N, C-alpha and C. Protein backbone atom coordinates (compact mmCIF):
# COMPACT_ATOMS: atom_id res chain seq x y z
N UNK A 1 0.84 -1.18 0.00
CA UNK A 1 0.00 0.00 0.00
C UNK A 1 0.89 1.25 0.00
N UNK A 2 0.53 2.20 -0.79
CA UNK A 2 1.24 3.46 -0.90
C UNK A 2 1.06 4.25 0.39
N UNK A 3 2.13 4.80 0.95
CA UNK A 3 2.06 5.48 2.23
C UNK A 3 1.07 6.63 2.21
N UNK A 4 1.14 7.45 1.18
CA UNK A 4 0.23 8.59 1.06
C UNK A 4 -0.69 8.34 -0.12
N UNK A 5 -1.76 7.57 0.11
CA UNK A 5 -2.68 7.25 -0.97
C UNK A 5 -3.23 8.49 -1.66
N UNK A 6 -3.43 9.53 -0.88
CA UNK A 6 -3.99 10.75 -1.45
C UNK A 6 -3.03 11.40 -2.44
N UNK A 7 -1.75 11.10 -2.32
CA UNK A 7 -0.75 11.71 -3.20
C UNK A 7 -0.71 11.05 -4.58
N UNK A 8 -1.45 9.96 -4.78
CA UNK A 8 -1.44 9.29 -6.07
C UNK A 8 -1.96 10.21 -7.18
N UNK A 9 -2.92 11.07 -6.82
CA UNK A 9 -3.45 12.02 -7.81
C UNK A 9 -2.47 13.19 -7.89
N UNK A 10 -1.97 13.46 -9.06
CA UNK A 10 -1.05 14.58 -9.25
C UNK A 10 0.18 14.47 -8.35
N UNK A 11 0.73 13.29 -8.23
CA UNK A 11 1.84 13.04 -7.32
C UNK A 11 2.99 14.02 -7.52
N UNK A 12 3.47 14.13 -8.76
CA UNK A 12 4.63 14.97 -9.02
C UNK A 12 4.32 16.45 -8.81
N UNK A 13 3.13 16.87 -9.17
CA UNK A 13 2.72 18.25 -8.94
C UNK A 13 2.66 18.55 -7.44
N UNK A 14 2.10 17.63 -6.68
CA UNK A 14 2.00 17.82 -5.23
C UNK A 14 3.40 17.86 -4.59
N UNK A 15 4.29 17.00 -5.05
CA UNK A 15 5.66 17.01 -4.52
C UNK A 15 6.35 18.34 -4.83
N UNK A 16 6.23 18.79 -6.07
CA UNK A 16 6.88 20.04 -6.46
C UNK A 16 6.31 21.22 -5.67
N UNK A 17 5.00 21.31 -5.58
CA UNK A 17 4.38 22.41 -4.83
C UNK A 17 4.79 22.35 -3.35
N UNK A 18 4.85 21.15 -2.80
CA UNK A 18 5.25 21.00 -1.40
C UNK A 18 6.67 21.49 -1.16
N UNK A 19 7.58 21.11 -2.02
CA UNK A 19 8.97 21.54 -1.88
C UNK A 19 9.08 23.06 -2.02
N UNK A 20 8.41 23.61 -3.02
CA UNK A 20 8.47 25.06 -3.24
C UNK A 20 7.89 25.81 -2.05
N UNK A 21 6.72 25.39 -1.57
CA UNK A 21 6.09 26.07 -0.44
C UNK A 21 6.91 25.91 0.84
N UNK A 22 7.47 24.73 1.05
CA UNK A 22 8.31 24.52 2.23
C UNK A 22 9.54 25.42 2.18
N UNK A 23 10.22 25.42 1.06
CA UNK A 23 11.44 26.23 0.94
C UNK A 23 11.12 27.72 1.06
N UNK A 24 10.02 28.13 0.47
CA UNK A 24 9.66 29.54 0.49
C UNK A 24 9.25 30.01 1.88
N UNK A 25 8.72 29.10 2.69
CA UNK A 25 8.28 29.50 4.03
C UNK A 25 9.34 29.25 5.09
N UNK A 26 9.86 28.04 5.16
CA UNK A 26 10.77 27.66 6.24
C UNK A 26 12.05 28.50 6.22
N UNK A 27 12.65 28.65 5.06
CA UNK A 27 13.90 29.43 4.96
C UNK A 27 13.66 30.86 5.42
N UNK A 28 12.56 31.45 4.96
CA UNK A 28 12.22 32.82 5.31
C UNK A 28 11.94 32.97 6.81
N UNK A 29 11.32 31.97 7.40
CA UNK A 29 11.03 32.03 8.83
C UNK A 29 12.31 31.93 9.65
N UNK A 30 13.16 30.95 9.33
CA UNK A 30 14.38 30.75 10.12
C UNK A 30 15.42 31.84 9.90
N UNK A 31 15.44 32.45 8.72
CA UNK A 31 16.40 33.52 8.47
C UNK A 31 15.94 34.86 9.03
N UNK A 32 14.64 34.95 9.34
CA UNK A 32 14.09 36.21 9.83
C UNK A 32 13.62 37.13 8.71
N UNK A 33 13.77 36.68 7.47
CA UNK A 33 13.35 37.51 6.33
C UNK A 33 11.86 37.81 6.35
N UNK A 34 11.08 36.94 6.95
CA UNK A 34 9.63 37.17 7.03
C UNK A 34 9.35 38.45 7.81
N UNK A 35 10.13 38.69 8.86
CA UNK A 35 9.96 39.92 9.65
C UNK A 35 10.36 41.16 8.85
N UNK A 36 11.46 41.06 8.14
CA UNK A 36 11.92 42.17 7.31
C UNK A 36 10.91 42.48 6.22
N UNK A 37 10.39 41.43 5.58
CA UNK A 37 9.37 41.61 4.54
C UNK A 37 8.15 42.33 5.09
N UNK A 38 7.74 41.96 6.28
CA UNK A 38 6.56 42.58 6.89
C UNK A 38 6.78 44.02 7.30
N UNK A 39 7.89 44.26 8.01
CA UNK A 39 8.11 45.60 8.57
C UNK A 39 8.72 46.58 7.59
N UNK A 40 9.61 46.10 6.74
CA UNK A 40 10.29 47.04 5.84
C UNK A 40 9.66 47.15 4.47
N UNK A 41 8.92 46.12 4.04
CA UNK A 41 8.30 46.21 2.72
C UNK A 41 6.79 46.43 2.83
N UNK A 42 6.09 45.50 3.44
CA UNK A 42 4.62 45.62 3.48
C UNK A 42 4.16 46.87 4.22
N UNK A 43 4.78 47.16 5.35
CA UNK A 43 4.43 48.40 6.06
C UNK A 43 4.71 49.63 5.19
N UNK A 44 5.82 49.60 4.46
CA UNK A 44 6.22 50.75 3.64
C UNK A 44 5.29 51.00 2.46
N UNK A 45 4.64 49.95 1.95
CA UNK A 45 3.75 50.15 0.79
C UNK A 45 2.30 50.37 1.20
N UNK A 46 2.08 50.57 2.50
CA UNK A 46 0.74 50.95 2.93
C UNK A 46 0.01 49.96 3.82
N UNK A 47 0.65 48.88 4.20
CA UNK A 47 -0.03 47.89 5.04
C UNK A 47 0.26 48.08 6.53
N UNK A 48 0.93 49.19 6.86
CA UNK A 48 1.22 49.48 8.26
C UNK A 48 -0.10 49.73 9.00
N UNK A 49 -0.28 49.23 10.14
CA UNK A 49 0.64 48.55 11.05
C UNK A 49 0.55 47.02 11.01
N UNK A 50 -0.08 46.46 9.98
CA UNK A 50 -0.29 45.00 9.97
C UNK A 50 0.64 44.25 9.02
N UNK A 51 1.66 44.93 8.49
CA UNK A 51 2.56 44.29 7.54
C UNK A 51 3.23 43.04 8.07
N UNK A 52 3.70 43.11 9.30
CA UNK A 52 4.37 41.96 9.91
C UNK A 52 3.40 40.79 10.04
N UNK A 53 2.17 41.07 10.44
CA UNK A 53 1.17 40.00 10.60
C UNK A 53 0.80 39.39 9.24
N UNK A 54 0.70 40.23 8.23
CA UNK A 54 0.42 39.72 6.88
C UNK A 54 1.55 38.82 6.38
N UNK A 55 2.78 39.25 6.60
CA UNK A 55 3.93 38.45 6.18
C UNK A 55 3.90 37.07 6.84
N UNK A 56 3.63 37.04 8.13
CA UNK A 56 3.55 35.77 8.84
C UNK A 56 2.36 34.94 8.37
N UNK A 57 1.24 35.59 8.10
CA UNK A 57 0.07 34.89 7.58
C UNK A 57 0.39 34.21 6.25
N UNK A 58 1.10 34.91 5.39
CA UNK A 58 1.50 34.36 4.09
C UNK A 58 2.38 33.13 4.29
N UNK A 59 3.41 33.25 5.10
CA UNK A 59 4.34 32.14 5.31
C UNK A 59 3.68 30.95 6.00
N UNK A 60 2.83 31.23 6.98
CA UNK A 60 2.13 30.13 7.66
C UNK A 60 1.10 29.47 6.75
N UNK A 61 0.49 30.25 5.86
CA UNK A 61 -0.43 29.67 4.87
C UNK A 61 0.33 28.70 3.98
N UNK A 62 1.51 29.10 3.52
CA UNK A 62 2.33 28.19 2.70
C UNK A 62 2.67 26.93 3.48
N UNK A 63 3.05 27.09 4.73
CA UNK A 63 3.47 25.95 5.55
C UNK A 63 2.32 24.98 5.81
N UNK A 64 1.17 25.48 6.19
CA UNK A 64 0.00 24.64 6.44
C UNK A 64 -0.48 23.99 5.13
N UNK A 65 -0.33 24.70 4.04
CA UNK A 65 -0.74 24.17 2.73
C UNK A 65 -0.02 22.88 2.39
N UNK A 66 1.25 22.79 2.75
CA UNK A 66 2.02 21.58 2.44
C UNK A 66 1.37 20.37 3.09
N UNK A 67 1.08 20.47 4.36
CA UNK A 67 0.45 19.36 5.08
C UNK A 67 -0.90 18.99 4.47
N UNK A 68 -1.71 20.00 4.16
CA UNK A 68 -3.04 19.73 3.61
C UNK A 68 -2.97 19.14 2.20
N UNK A 69 -1.99 19.56 1.42
CA UNK A 69 -1.80 18.97 0.09
C UNK A 69 -1.46 17.49 0.22
N UNK A 70 -0.62 17.15 1.18
CA UNK A 70 -0.20 15.76 1.35
C UNK A 70 -1.32 14.86 1.86
N UNK A 71 -2.21 15.40 2.67
CA UNK A 71 -3.30 14.55 3.17
C UNK A 71 -4.57 14.70 2.32
N UNK A 72 -4.48 15.50 1.27
CA UNK A 72 -5.57 15.67 0.32
C UNK A 72 -6.84 16.21 0.99
N UNK A 73 -6.66 17.23 1.79
CA UNK A 73 -7.79 17.85 2.48
C UNK A 73 -7.82 19.34 2.15
N UNK A 74 -9.03 19.86 1.98
CA UNK A 74 -9.25 21.29 1.74
C UNK A 74 -8.41 21.82 0.57
N UNK A 75 -8.32 21.02 -0.48
CA UNK A 75 -7.47 21.38 -1.61
C UNK A 75 -7.93 22.67 -2.28
N UNK A 76 -9.22 22.84 -2.50
CA UNK A 76 -9.68 24.06 -3.15
C UNK A 76 -9.44 25.30 -2.30
N UNK A 77 -9.76 25.31 -1.01
CA UNK A 77 -9.42 26.49 -0.21
C UNK A 77 -7.91 26.76 -0.15
N UNK A 78 -7.12 25.69 -0.04
CA UNK A 78 -5.66 25.83 -0.02
C UNK A 78 -5.19 26.47 -1.33
N UNK A 79 -5.70 25.95 -2.43
CA UNK A 79 -5.30 26.48 -3.74
C UNK A 79 -5.74 27.93 -3.89
N UNK A 80 -6.96 28.24 -3.51
CA UNK A 80 -7.45 29.61 -3.64
C UNK A 80 -6.66 30.59 -2.78
N UNK A 81 -6.32 30.20 -1.56
CA UNK A 81 -5.52 31.07 -0.70
C UNK A 81 -4.14 31.34 -1.31
N UNK A 82 -3.52 30.28 -1.82
CA UNK A 82 -2.20 30.45 -2.42
C UNK A 82 -2.27 31.23 -3.72
N UNK A 83 -3.29 30.99 -4.52
CA UNK A 83 -3.46 31.76 -5.76
C UNK A 83 -3.62 33.25 -5.42
N UNK A 84 -4.40 33.55 -4.40
CA UNK A 84 -4.56 34.95 -3.98
C UNK A 84 -3.22 35.55 -3.57
N UNK A 85 -2.43 34.81 -2.82
CA UNK A 85 -1.10 35.29 -2.41
C UNK A 85 -0.24 35.56 -3.64
N UNK A 86 -0.26 34.65 -4.62
CA UNK A 86 0.58 34.82 -5.81
C UNK A 86 0.10 35.97 -6.69
N UNK A 87 -1.21 36.14 -6.80
CA UNK A 87 -1.75 37.25 -7.59
C UNK A 87 -1.37 38.58 -6.94
N UNK A 88 -1.51 38.67 -5.63
CA UNK A 88 -1.12 39.89 -4.93
C UNK A 88 0.39 40.11 -5.00
N UNK A 89 1.15 39.02 -4.98
CA UNK A 89 2.60 39.12 -5.16
C UNK A 89 2.96 39.68 -6.52
N UNK A 90 2.23 39.25 -7.55
CA UNK A 90 2.43 39.79 -8.89
C UNK A 90 2.13 41.29 -8.88
N UNK A 91 1.00 41.65 -8.30
CA UNK A 91 0.57 43.05 -8.32
C UNK A 91 1.52 43.96 -7.55
N UNK A 92 1.88 43.57 -6.32
CA UNK A 92 2.65 44.45 -5.46
C UNK A 92 4.17 44.35 -5.64
N UNK A 93 4.66 43.22 -6.11
CA UNK A 93 6.12 43.02 -6.13
C UNK A 93 6.68 42.80 -7.53
N UNK A 94 6.11 41.86 -8.27
CA UNK A 94 6.76 41.37 -9.48
C UNK A 94 6.38 42.07 -10.77
N UNK A 95 5.22 42.70 -10.84
CA UNK A 95 4.72 43.26 -12.10
C UNK A 95 5.69 44.25 -12.73
N UNK A 96 6.22 45.13 -11.93
CA UNK A 96 7.11 46.18 -12.46
C UNK A 96 8.41 45.62 -13.01
N UNK A 97 8.71 44.35 -12.69
CA UNK A 97 9.95 43.73 -13.16
C UNK A 97 9.77 42.93 -14.44
N UNK A 98 8.55 42.90 -14.97
CA UNK A 98 8.31 42.20 -16.23
C UNK A 98 8.03 40.72 -16.05
N UNK A 99 8.24 39.97 -17.12
CA UNK A 99 7.90 38.56 -17.15
C UNK A 99 8.95 37.67 -16.51
N UNK A 100 10.21 37.88 -16.83
CA UNK A 100 11.26 36.92 -16.52
C UNK A 100 11.73 36.98 -15.07
N UNK A 101 11.94 35.79 -14.47
CA UNK A 101 12.54 35.69 -13.16
C UNK A 101 14.06 35.83 -13.31
N UNK A 102 14.61 35.15 -14.31
CA UNK A 102 16.03 35.29 -14.67
C UNK A 102 16.12 35.31 -16.19
N UNK A 103 17.25 35.67 -16.70
CA UNK A 103 17.43 35.69 -18.16
C UNK A 103 17.15 37.06 -18.72
N UNK A 104 15.93 37.25 -19.25
CA UNK A 104 15.57 38.52 -19.85
C UNK A 104 15.27 39.61 -18.84
N UNK A 105 15.32 39.28 -17.57
CA UNK A 105 15.05 40.24 -16.50
C UNK A 105 15.22 39.53 -15.18
N UNK A 106 14.82 40.18 -14.10
CA UNK A 106 14.89 39.54 -12.78
C UNK A 106 13.63 39.85 -11.99
N UNK A 107 13.27 38.91 -11.13
CA UNK A 107 12.15 39.08 -10.19
C UNK A 107 10.82 39.33 -10.89
N UNK A 108 10.64 38.74 -12.07
CA UNK A 108 9.41 38.92 -12.83
C UNK A 108 8.29 38.00 -12.38
N UNK A 109 7.25 37.93 -13.20
CA UNK A 109 6.02 37.24 -12.80
C UNK A 109 5.94 35.78 -13.23
N UNK A 110 6.87 35.30 -14.05
CA UNK A 110 6.70 33.98 -14.65
C UNK A 110 6.56 32.86 -13.64
N UNK A 111 7.30 32.89 -12.55
CA UNK A 111 7.22 31.83 -11.55
C UNK A 111 5.86 31.84 -10.85
N UNK A 112 5.36 33.03 -10.53
CA UNK A 112 4.04 33.13 -9.90
C UNK A 112 2.95 32.62 -10.84
N UNK A 113 3.06 32.94 -12.11
CA UNK A 113 2.07 32.46 -13.09
C UNK A 113 2.08 30.93 -13.14
N UNK A 114 3.26 30.35 -13.16
CA UNK A 114 3.38 28.89 -13.15
C UNK A 114 2.75 28.29 -11.89
N UNK A 115 3.00 28.90 -10.74
CA UNK A 115 2.41 28.40 -9.50
C UNK A 115 0.89 28.54 -9.49
N UNK A 116 0.38 29.63 -10.02
CA UNK A 116 -1.07 29.82 -10.11
C UNK A 116 -1.70 28.71 -10.94
N UNK A 117 -1.13 28.42 -12.10
CA UNK A 117 -1.68 27.37 -12.96
C UNK A 117 -1.47 25.99 -12.35
N UNK A 118 -0.41 25.80 -11.59
CA UNK A 118 -0.19 24.52 -10.91
C UNK A 118 -1.28 24.28 -9.86
N UNK A 119 -1.61 25.32 -9.11
CA UNK A 119 -2.68 25.18 -8.12
C UNK A 119 -4.04 25.01 -8.80
N UNK A 120 -4.23 25.64 -9.95
CA UNK A 120 -5.48 25.43 -10.69
C UNK A 120 -5.59 23.96 -11.12
N UNK A 121 -4.47 23.38 -11.55
CA UNK A 121 -4.46 21.98 -11.94
C UNK A 121 -4.72 21.07 -10.74
N UNK A 122 -4.26 21.47 -9.58
CA UNK A 122 -4.52 20.70 -8.37
C UNK A 122 -6.00 20.73 -8.02
N UNK A 123 -6.65 21.89 -8.23
CA UNK A 123 -8.09 22.00 -7.95
C UNK A 123 -8.92 21.25 -8.98
N UNK A 124 -8.51 21.32 -10.23
CA UNK A 124 -9.27 20.73 -11.34
C UNK A 124 -8.36 19.80 -12.14
N UNK A 125 -8.09 18.60 -11.61
CA UNK A 125 -7.12 17.71 -12.27
C UNK A 125 -7.61 17.12 -13.59
N UNK A 126 -8.91 17.07 -13.78
CA UNK A 126 -9.44 16.49 -15.01
C UNK A 126 -10.40 17.47 -15.66
N UNK A 127 -9.96 18.03 -16.74
CA UNK A 127 -10.81 18.94 -17.50
C UNK A 127 -11.35 18.18 -18.70
N UNK A 128 -12.65 18.16 -18.83
CA UNK A 128 -13.29 17.45 -19.94
C UNK A 128 -13.76 18.49 -20.95
N UNK A 129 -13.17 18.44 -22.13
CA UNK A 129 -13.56 19.36 -23.20
C UNK A 129 -14.60 18.69 -24.07
N UNK A 130 -15.60 19.45 -24.44
CA UNK A 130 -16.65 18.90 -25.30
C UNK A 130 -16.14 18.74 -26.72
N UNK A 131 -16.52 17.62 -27.34
CA UNK A 131 -16.19 17.42 -28.75
C UNK A 131 -17.25 18.08 -29.60
N UNK A 132 -16.81 18.65 -30.72
CA UNK A 132 -17.76 19.31 -31.63
C UNK A 132 -18.30 18.32 -32.63
């Protein structure tokens, strides 16, 4: 029997999203960057005095999402919360830098777009198109 039966659906997508969300949250938490992001960036762009709390909410959402993805629970709410985070990240952080994360530019939107569509695939793994 497979240890995580729920992971059989979209196994590789779930693994990739889990690694990305873990790395994006855990490293930021242990390095203290989450605090800097909240107080020096989010507060500065108008989220004061709740910037620090928003930053922690984002990182904890990513962290909790990993567990829920692995046990196949609340997938749609998890996906929608993360999609909202990525869309707001595009709007507030990445849009002005263009498309490319590396190569033709830096810190662009392409990675967030990929994550948004990955979460959409997690919510809707089987799309049935009508034949004409």
